[in-house]
Amino acid sequence: MNEIVIQGLSVECHVGVPDEERRHPQTLSITATLTPRVAFADLQDNIVQTADYDLAARRISAVAQARPRRLIETLAVELADMLLAEFALTAAEVEIRKFILPNTEYVAVRCRRVHPAA
C-alpha cells in the first residue's frame, strides 16, 4: 500500500451548530490520507505521476475556509470528495479534530471515499 499522509494540518474556519460558535473562527486539525493511482515504485521520480501534497494541503485549507458549516462531518465529506475529484487518487480519507468539548482532548470525525473506478 502506498499512501501520502498530511498529518495535523492546522486550519482556521467557522464551524459549529450554535450561531455563536460559528461567529468566531476556531482551529481544526485535519489529517488527509491520499492513496495515489500510481504506485510509488512506478513514479520514476516524477511529481506529475503522484499527488502534489503541497497543493492538496492548500486546497484543503481553501475549502475549509470558504464558508461556514454547522458540522465537521459535512466538511469531512466535502474535503474527501474534493481530493478525489482534483487529484489522481484511488482513495482519500480525511480526519478532522475539533477542540471544543470540556474534559476531552478532542472530538474527531473520519470520512473515507474511494474513486468509483478503483
N, C-alpha and C. Protein backbone atom coordinates (compact mmCIF):
# COMPACT_ATOMS: atom_id res chain seq x y z
N MET A 1 0.84 -1.18 0.00
CA MET A 1 0.00 0.00 0.00
C MET A 1 0.89 1.24 0.00
N ASN A 2 0.54 2.22 -0.83
CA ASN A 2 1.27 3.47 -0.92
C ASN A 2 0.33 4.60 -0.56
N GLU A 3 0.69 5.36 0.47
CA GLU A 3 -0.16 6.47 0.91
C GLU A 3 0.68 7.71 1.18
N ILE A 4 0.08 8.85 0.96
CA ILE A 4 0.66 10.13 1.34
C ILE A 4 -0.20 10.65 2.48
N VAL A 5 0.43 11.00 3.59
CA VAL A 5 -0.31 11.47 4.76
C VAL A 5 0.06 12.92 5.05
N ILE A 6 -0.94 13.78 5.06
CA ILE A 6 -0.78 15.16 5.51
C ILE A 6 -1.32 15.16 6.94
N GLN A 7 -0.44 15.22 7.90
CA GLN A 7 -0.80 15.00 9.31
C GLN A 7 -0.97 16.32 10.06
N GLY A 8 -2.14 16.52 10.64
CA GLY A 8 -2.36 17.63 11.56
C GLY A 8 -2.28 19.01 10.93
N LEU A 9 -2.83 19.17 9.74
CA LEU A 9 -2.88 20.48 9.09
C LEU A 9 -3.78 21.40 9.92
N SER A 10 -3.25 22.50 10.38
CA SER A 10 -3.99 23.44 11.21
C SER A 10 -4.74 24.42 10.32
N VAL A 11 -6.07 24.48 10.49
CA VAL A 11 -6.92 25.32 9.64
C VAL A 11 -7.88 26.12 10.53
N GLU A 12 -7.94 27.42 10.29
CA GLU A 12 -8.88 28.30 10.98
C GLU A 12 -10.15 28.38 10.14
N CYS A 13 -11.29 28.05 10.73
CA CYS A 13 -12.54 28.16 9.98
C CYS A 13 -13.72 28.35 10.93
N HIS A 14 -14.85 28.69 10.35
CA HIS A 14 -16.08 28.91 11.10
C HIS A 14 -16.92 27.64 11.03
N VAL A 15 -17.07 26.98 12.18
CA VAL A 15 -17.82 25.73 12.23
C VAL A 15 -18.47 25.60 13.60
N GLY A 16 -19.67 25.04 13.62
CA GLY A 16 -20.35 24.81 14.89
C GLY A 16 -21.85 24.90 14.72
N VAL A 17 -22.56 24.16 15.53
CA VAL A 17 -24.03 24.15 15.43
C VAL A 17 -24.63 25.47 15.92
N PRO A 18 -24.27 25.96 17.12
CA PRO A 18 -24.86 27.23 17.54
C PRO A 18 -24.28 28.40 16.73
N ASP A 19 -25.11 29.38 16.44
CA ASP A 19 -24.66 30.58 15.72
C ASP A 19 -23.47 31.23 16.40
N GLU A 20 -23.50 31.29 17.71
CA GLU A 20 -22.42 31.92 18.48
C GLU A 20 -21.09 31.21 18.24
N GLU A 21 -21.11 29.90 18.16
CA GLU A 21 -19.87 29.15 17.93
C GLU A 21 -19.29 29.44 16.54
N ARG A 22 -20.15 29.60 15.56
CA ARG A 22 -19.71 29.87 14.18
C ARG A 22 -19.22 31.31 14.00
N ARG A 23 -19.59 32.21 14.90
CA ARG A 23 -19.21 33.62 14.75
C ARG A 23 -17.70 33.83 14.78
N HIS A 24 -17.02 33.02 15.54
CA HIS A 24 -15.58 33.19 15.72
C HIS A 24 -14.85 31.99 15.12
N PRO A 25 -13.78 32.24 14.39
CA PRO A 25 -13.04 31.11 13.81
C PRO A 25 -12.41 30.26 14.91
N GLN A 26 -12.34 28.98 14.64
CA GLN A 26 -11.66 28.08 15.55
C GLN A 26 -10.68 27.22 14.76
N THR A 27 -9.70 26.73 15.45
CA THR A 27 -8.67 25.94 14.80
C THR A 27 -9.06 24.47 14.79
N LEU A 28 -9.08 23.89 13.60
CA LEU A 28 -9.28 22.45 13.44
C LEU A 28 -7.95 21.84 13.04
N SER A 29 -7.76 20.58 13.37
CA SER A 29 -6.60 19.83 12.91
C SER A 29 -7.11 18.79 11.91
N ILE A 30 -6.57 18.86 10.70
CA ILE A 30 -7.04 17.98 9.63
C ILE A 30 -5.91 17.08 9.17
N THR A 31 -6.20 15.79 9.13
CA THR A 31 -5.27 14.81 8.59
C THR A 31 -5.90 14.19 7.35
N ALA A 32 -5.17 14.22 6.25
CA ALA A 32 -5.65 13.64 5.00
C ALA A 32 -4.70 12.52 4.58
N THR A 33 -5.29 11.37 4.26
CA THR A 33 -4.51 10.24 3.76
C THR A 33 -4.91 10.03 2.31
N LEU A 34 -3.94 10.19 1.42
CA LEU A 34 -4.16 10.12 -0.02
C LEU A 34 -3.55 8.83 -0.56
N THR A 35 -4.33 8.10 -1.33
CA THR A 35 -3.83 6.89 -1.97
C THR A 35 -3.72 7.17 -3.47
N PRO A 36 -2.49 7.42 -3.96
CA PRO A 36 -2.31 7.76 -5.37
C PRO A 36 -2.62 6.59 -6.29
N ARG A 37 -3.01 6.91 -7.51
CA ARG A 37 -3.31 5.87 -8.51
C ARG A 37 -2.06 5.13 -8.94
N VAL A 38 -0.93 5.82 -8.97
CA VAL A 38 0.33 5.21 -9.41
C VAL A 38 1.12 4.78 -8.18
N ALA A 39 1.58 3.55 -8.15
CA ALA A 39 2.39 3.04 -7.05
C ALA A 39 3.70 3.82 -6.96
N PHE A 40 4.21 3.99 -5.77
CA PHE A 40 5.46 4.73 -5.58
C PHE A 40 6.60 4.16 -6.42
N ALA A 41 6.66 2.85 -6.55
CA ALA A 41 7.74 2.21 -7.31
C ALA A 41 7.69 2.56 -8.79
N ASP A 42 6.53 3.02 -9.27
CA ASP A 42 6.37 3.34 -10.69
C ASP A 42 6.42 4.83 -10.99
N LEU A 43 6.74 5.66 -10.02
CA LEU A 43 6.71 7.12 -10.19
C LEU A 43 7.85 7.65 -11.07
N GLN A 44 8.94 6.94 -11.15
CA GLN A 44 10.10 7.37 -11.92
C GLN A 44 10.59 8.76 -11.49
N ASP A 45 10.44 9.04 -10.17
CA ASP A 45 10.91 10.30 -9.58
C ASP A 45 10.29 11.53 -10.26
N ASN A 46 9.03 11.39 -10.69
CA ASN A 46 8.35 12.44 -11.44
C ASN A 46 7.09 12.86 -10.69
N ILE A 47 7.04 14.12 -10.23
CA ILE A 47 5.93 14.59 -9.42
C ILE A 47 4.59 14.55 -10.14
N VAL A 48 4.58 14.67 -11.45
CA VAL A 48 3.30 14.65 -12.16
C VAL A 48 2.64 13.27 -12.12
N GLN A 49 3.40 12.26 -11.70
CA GLN A 49 2.86 10.90 -11.58
C GLN A 49 2.15 10.67 -10.25
N THR A 50 2.29 11.60 -9.31
CA THR A 50 1.74 11.40 -7.97
C THR A 50 0.86 12.57 -7.56
N ALA A 51 0.35 12.54 -6.34
CA ALA A 51 -0.46 13.63 -5.81
C ALA A 51 0.46 14.68 -5.18
N ASP A 52 0.32 15.91 -5.59
CA ASP A 52 1.11 17.02 -5.07
C ASP A 52 0.58 17.37 -3.68
N TYR A 53 1.27 16.94 -2.63
CA TYR A 53 0.75 17.14 -1.28
C TYR A 53 0.75 18.59 -0.84
N ASP A 54 1.65 19.42 -1.39
CA ASP A 54 1.61 20.84 -1.08
C ASP A 54 0.32 21.47 -1.62
N LEU A 55 0.01 21.17 -2.87
CA LEU A 55 -1.23 21.68 -3.46
C LEU A 55 -2.45 21.12 -2.73
N ALA A 56 -2.41 19.85 -2.37
CA ALA A 56 -3.53 19.24 -1.64
C ALA A 56 -3.76 19.95 -0.30
N ALA A 57 -2.70 20.24 0.41
CA ALA A 57 -2.83 20.95 1.70
C ALA A 57 -3.42 22.34 1.50
N ARG A 58 -2.97 23.04 0.48
CA ARG A 58 -3.51 24.37 0.21
C ARG A 58 -4.99 24.30 -0.18
N ARG A 59 -5.38 23.29 -0.95
CA ARG A 59 -6.80 23.13 -1.33
C ARG A 59 -7.66 22.76 -0.12
N ILE A 60 -7.15 21.93 0.75
CA ILE A 60 -7.88 21.58 1.98
C ILE A 60 -8.16 22.85 2.78
N SER A 61 -7.14 23.66 2.97
CA SER A 61 -7.32 24.92 3.72
C SER A 61 -8.32 25.83 3.04
N ALA A 62 -8.22 25.97 1.73
CA ALA A 62 -9.11 26.87 1.00
C ALA A 62 -10.57 26.41 1.09
N VAL A 63 -10.81 25.13 0.93
CA VAL A 63 -12.19 24.61 1.01
C VAL A 63 -12.72 24.79 2.43
N ALA A 64 -11.92 24.49 3.43
CA ALA A 64 -12.37 24.61 4.82
C ALA A 64 -12.72 26.06 5.17
N GLN A 65 -11.97 27.00 4.62
CA GLN A 65 -12.18 28.41 4.94
C GLN A 65 -13.20 29.10 4.04
N ALA A 66 -13.68 28.42 3.02
CA ALA A 66 -14.54 29.04 2.01
C ALA A 66 -15.89 29.50 2.54
N ARG A 67 -16.44 28.78 3.51
CA ARG A 67 -17.77 29.15 4.03
C ARG A 67 -17.97 28.51 5.40
N PRO A 68 -18.87 29.08 6.18
CA PRO A 68 -19.17 28.45 7.48
C PRO A 68 -19.97 27.15 7.30
N ARG A 69 -19.81 26.25 8.26
CA ARG A 69 -20.55 25.00 8.28
C ARG A 69 -20.98 24.73 9.71
N ARG A 70 -22.07 24.01 9.84
CA ARG A 70 -22.53 23.62 11.17
C ARG A 70 -21.78 22.38 11.67
N LEU A 71 -21.53 21.44 10.77
CA LEU A 71 -20.98 20.14 11.17
C LEU A 71 -19.58 19.89 10.59
N ILE A 72 -18.70 19.35 11.42
CA ILE A 72 -17.40 18.93 10.88
C ILE A 72 -17.58 17.70 10.00
N GLU A 73 -18.66 16.97 10.18
CA GLU A 73 -18.95 15.83 9.31
C GLU A 73 -19.16 16.30 7.87
N THR A 74 -19.86 17.41 7.71
CA THR A 74 -20.09 17.99 6.37
C THR A 74 -18.76 18.37 5.74
N LEU A 75 -17.91 19.01 6.51
CA LEU A 75 -16.61 19.42 5.99
C LEU A 75 -15.77 18.21 5.60
N ALA A 76 -15.80 17.15 6.39
CA ALA A 76 -15.02 15.95 6.08
C ALA A 76 -15.44 15.34 4.74
N VAL A 77 -16.74 15.26 4.50
CA VAL A 77 -17.25 14.73 3.23
C VAL A 77 -16.81 15.63 2.07
N GLU A 78 -16.97 16.94 2.23
CA GLU A 78 -16.59 17.87 1.16
C GLU A 78 -15.10 17.77 0.84
N LEU A 79 -14.27 17.65 1.86
CA LEU A 79 -12.83 17.55 1.62
C LEU A 79 -12.45 16.25 0.93
N ALA A 80 -13.01 15.14 1.37
CA ALA A 80 -12.69 13.85 0.75
C ALA A 80 -13.15 13.83 -0.71
N ASP A 81 -14.34 14.36 -0.97
CA ASP A 81 -14.84 14.42 -2.35
C ASP A 81 -13.97 15.32 -3.22
N MET A 82 -13.55 16.47 -2.68
CA MET A 82 -12.69 17.38 -3.43
C MET A 82 -11.36 16.71 -3.77
N LEU A 83 -10.76 16.03 -2.81
CA LEU A 83 -9.47 15.38 -3.06
C LEU A 83 -9.58 14.34 -4.17
N LEU A 84 -10.65 13.55 -4.16
CA LEU A 84 -10.84 12.55 -5.22
C LEU A 84 -11.07 13.21 -6.58
N ALA A 85 -11.79 14.31 -6.59
CA ALA A 85 -12.11 14.99 -7.84
C ALA A 85 -10.92 15.71 -8.45
N GLU A 86 -10.04 16.25 -7.62
CA GLU A 86 -8.97 17.12 -8.12
C GLU A 86 -7.60 16.46 -8.22
N PHE A 87 -7.43 15.30 -7.62
CA PHE A 87 -6.12 14.65 -7.61
C PHE A 87 -6.24 13.21 -8.13
N ALA A 88 -5.15 12.68 -8.66
CA ALA A 88 -5.14 11.33 -9.22
C ALA A 88 -5.03 10.31 -8.08
N LEU A 89 -6.17 10.05 -7.43
CA LEU A 89 -6.21 9.18 -6.26
C LEU A 89 -7.18 8.02 -6.48
N THR A 90 -6.89 6.92 -5.81
CA THR A 90 -7.87 5.83 -5.77
C THR A 90 -8.73 5.94 -4.51
N ALA A 91 -8.20 6.63 -3.48
CA ALA A 91 -8.96 6.82 -2.24
C ALA A 91 -8.43 8.04 -1.50
N ALA A 92 -9.31 8.62 -0.69
CA ALA A 92 -8.94 9.75 0.17
C ALA A 92 -9.66 9.58 1.50
N GLU A 93 -8.91 9.74 2.57
CA GLU A 93 -9.51 9.70 3.90
C GLU A 93 -9.17 11.00 4.61
N VAL A 94 -10.17 11.58 5.26
CA VAL A 94 -9.99 12.84 5.97
C VAL A 94 -10.43 12.66 7.42
N GLU A 95 -9.57 13.06 8.34
CA GLU A 95 -9.94 13.09 9.75
C GLU A 95 -9.87 14.54 10.20
N ILE A 96 -10.92 14.99 10.87
CA ILE A 96 -10.96 16.36 11.39
C ILE A 96 -11.08 16.28 12.91
N ARG A 97 -10.20 16.98 13.58
CA ARG A 97 -10.22 17.07 15.04
C ARG A 97 -10.66 18.47 15.44
N LYS A 98 -11.61 18.49 16.37
CA LYS A 98 -12.16 19.75 16.86
C LYS A 98 -11.94 19.77 18.37
N PHE A 99 -11.48 20.89 18.88
CA PHE A 99 -11.10 21.01 20.29
C PHE A 99 -12.14 21.87 21.01
N ILE A 100 -13.28 21.26 21.31
CA ILE A 100 -14.41 22.04 21.80
C ILE A 100 -15.00 21.52 23.10
N LEU A 101 -15.01 20.21 23.32
CA LEU A 101 -15.66 19.65 24.50
C LEU A 101 -14.78 19.76 25.73
N PRO A 102 -15.37 20.18 26.85
CA PRO A 102 -14.59 20.20 28.08
C PRO A 102 -14.19 18.78 28.49
N ASN A 103 -13.07 18.67 29.13
CA ASN A 103 -12.57 17.40 29.67
C ASN A 103 -12.28 16.36 28.59
N THR A 104 -12.05 16.81 27.37
CA THR A 104 -11.65 15.90 26.29
C THR A 104 -10.46 16.50 25.56
N GLU A 105 -9.64 15.65 24.99
CA GLU A 105 -8.52 16.14 24.19
C GLU A 105 -9.06 16.73 22.88
N TYR A 106 -9.98 16.00 22.24
CA TYR A 106 -10.62 16.47 21.01
C TYR A 106 -11.77 15.54 20.66
N VAL A 107 -12.58 16.00 19.70
CA VAL A 107 -13.60 15.18 19.07
C VAL A 107 -13.15 15.04 17.62
N ALA A 108 -13.28 13.85 17.05
CA ALA A 108 -12.84 13.65 15.67
C ALA A 108 -13.91 12.95 14.85
N VAL A 109 -13.93 13.30 13.57
CA VAL A 109 -14.74 12.56 12.59
C VAL A 109 -13.80 12.11 11.49
N ARG A 110 -14.15 11.02 10.84
CA ARG A 110 -13.32 10.47 9.77
C ARG A 110 -14.22 10.08 8.61
N CYS A 111 -13.81 10.47 7.40
CA CYS A 111 -14.57 10.13 6.19
C CYS A 111 -13.60 9.55 5.17
N ARG A 112 -13.95 8.41 4.61
CA ARG A 112 -13.14 7.77 3.56
C ARG A 112 -13.97 7.65 2.31
N ARG A 113 -13.41 8.09 1.19
CA ARG A 113 -14.05 7.98 -0.10
C ARG A 113 -13.12 7.20 -1.03
N VAL A 114 -13.72 6.36 -1.86
CA VAL A 114 -12.96 5.56 -2.83
C VAL A 114 -13.43 5.96 -4.22
N HIS A 115 -12.46 6.14 -5.12
CA HIS A 115 -12.80 6.50 -6.51
C HIS A 115 -13.62 5.37 -7.12
N PRO A 116 -14.70 5.70 -7.83
CA PRO A 116 -15.55 4.66 -8.41
C PRO A 116 -14.82 3.69 -9.35
N ALA A 117 -13.76 4.17 -9.99
CA ALA A 117 -13.03 3.32 -10.94
C ALA A 117 -12.00 2.43 -10.24
N ALA A 118 -11.84 2.61 -8.94
CA ALA A 118 -10.79 1.85 -8.22
C ALA A 118 -11.23 0.43 -7.93
